[in-house]
């Protein structure tokens, strides 16, 4: 995937969706937020880095997604943000990278609500089918947000 594709991503829109989580977070309000151990903090950091550097892929970043963030997240908010990441996705199919900014955000969010990580199949439709195998409700919510 070419770094010039970064110009096709609306980083501000992704950041705004992610910032909504922080507004509702008790840790953020108390000043105890640790961005490095938070799925949303990680996602925000990835988006900021990509925006500042003008890159689309961040090699190795998928290995840095926090695995021990067990905070409760609202599934509706997660589904809305995953839907936005799907809208930002260019359905690259064969050229898909798990280290692209959109994929990193989506994967981090999935970690909050799904038991198993989904290997993105390169198509939003096929992705929804894979999500449905784990959570029909989440798949339906994402699909509804995609229609908006």
Foldseek 3Di string as FASTA:
>chain_A
DDLQLLVLAPLVVLLVLLVVQLVPDPCNVVVNDDLQQALSSLLNVLSVVCVVVSGFFDPPSLVSQHLPPQDADDLLSLLLSLLSLLVSQPLPQVPDDCRTSSNSSNQSSCSNPFPDGDDDRSHPVVVLVVVCVTPVVSSVSNVVSNVD
